[in-house]
Amino acid sequence: MEDWERALTEGVLPDGHEMRLEHMPWNVTAAMTELEREVMW
């Protein structure tokens, strides 16, 4: 779940690459509460 949280809050994949916002709007998921992200998990 740590990789999931980092991807959704920082936009960084487990291999260290940054996700492109047009493919995954991580800036939006970063604004979610921790509980909202847990529910997605």
C-alpha atoms as a PDB file:
ATOM      1  CA  MET A   1       0.000   0.000   0.000  1.00  0.00           C
ATOM      2  CA  GLU A   2       2.987   2.297   0.448  1.00  0.00           C
ATOM      3  CA  ASP A   3       3.625   2.376  -3.323  1.00  0.00           C
ATOM      4  CA  TRP A   4      -0.076   3.066  -3.895  1.00  0.00           C
ATOM      5  CA  GLU A   5      -0.048   5.996  -1.468  1.00  0.00           C
ATOM      6  CA  ARG A   6       3.092   7.472  -3.001  1.00  0.00           C
ATOM      7  CA  ALA A   7       1.677   7.167  -6.515  1.00  0.00           C
ATOM      8  CA  LEU A   8      -1.542   8.913  -5.516  1.00  0.00           C
ATOM      9  CA  THR A   9       0.067  11.697  -3.488  1.00  0.00           C
ATOM     10  CA  GLU A  10       3.377  12.335  -5.245  1.00  0.00           C
ATOM     11  CA  GLY A  11       2.786  10.877  -8.703  1.00  0.00           C
ATOM     12  CA  VAL A  12       5.829   8.625  -8.415  1.00  0.00           C
ATOM     13  CA  LEU A  13       5.752   5.000  -9.545  1.00  0.00           C
ATOM     14  CA  PRO A  14       7.570   2.223  -7.639  1.00  0.00           C
ATOM     15  CA  ASP A  15      10.383   2.344 -10.224  1.00  0.00           C
ATOM     16  CA  GLY A  16      10.910   6.062  -9.499  1.00  0.00           C
ATOM     17  CA  HIS A  17       9.366   7.463 -12.675  1.00  0.00           C
ATOM     18  CA  GLU A  18       6.907  10.327 -12.381  1.00  0.00           C
ATOM     19  CA  MET A  19       3.442   9.754 -13.797  1.00  0.00           C
ATOM     20  CA  ARG A  20       2.198  12.195 -16.404  1.00  0.00           C
ATOM     21  CA  LEU A  21      -0.847  14.131 -15.245  1.00  0.00           C
ATOM     22  CA  GLU A  22      -2.718  13.445 -18.482  1.00  0.00           C
ATOM     23  CA  HIS A  23      -2.512   9.698 -17.749  1.00  0.00           C
ATOM     24  CA  MET A  24      -3.138   9.799 -14.008  1.00  0.00           C
ATOM     25  CA  PRO A  25      -4.405  12.980 -12.313  1.00  0.00           C
ATOM     26  CA  TRP A  26      -2.403  12.372  -9.146  1.00  0.00           C
ATOM     27  CA  ASN A  27      -2.602  16.058  -8.254  1.00  0.00           C
ATOM     28  CA  VAL A  28      -6.343  15.493  -7.726  1.00  0.00           C
ATOM     29  CA  THR A  29      -5.900  12.302  -5.697  1.00  0.00           C
ATOM     30  CA  ALA A  30      -3.237  14.039  -3.603  1.00  0.00           C
ATOM     31  CA  ALA A  31      -5.943  16.454  -2.441  1.00  0.00           C
ATOM     32  CA  MET A  32      -8.087  13.564  -1.173  1.00  0.00           C
ATOM     33  CA  THR A  33      -8.088  12.622   2.473  1.00  0.00           C
ATOM     34  CA  GLU A  34      -6.170   9.549   3.574  1.00  0.00           C
ATOM     35  CA  LEU A  35      -9.489   7.802   4.238  1.00  0.00           C
ATOM     36  CA  GLU A  36     -10.694   8.506   0.677  1.00  0.00           C
ATOM     37  CA  ARG A  37      -7.499   7.001  -0.732  1.00  0.00           C
ATOM     38  CA  GLU A  38      -7.842   3.967   1.557  1.00  0.00           C
ATOM     39  CA  VAL A  39     -11.370   3.401   0.258  1.00  0.00           C
ATOM     40  CA  MET A  40      -9.994   3.394  -3.293  1.00  0.00           C
ATOM     41  CA  TRP A  41      -7.436   0.756  -2.261  1.00  0.00           C
END
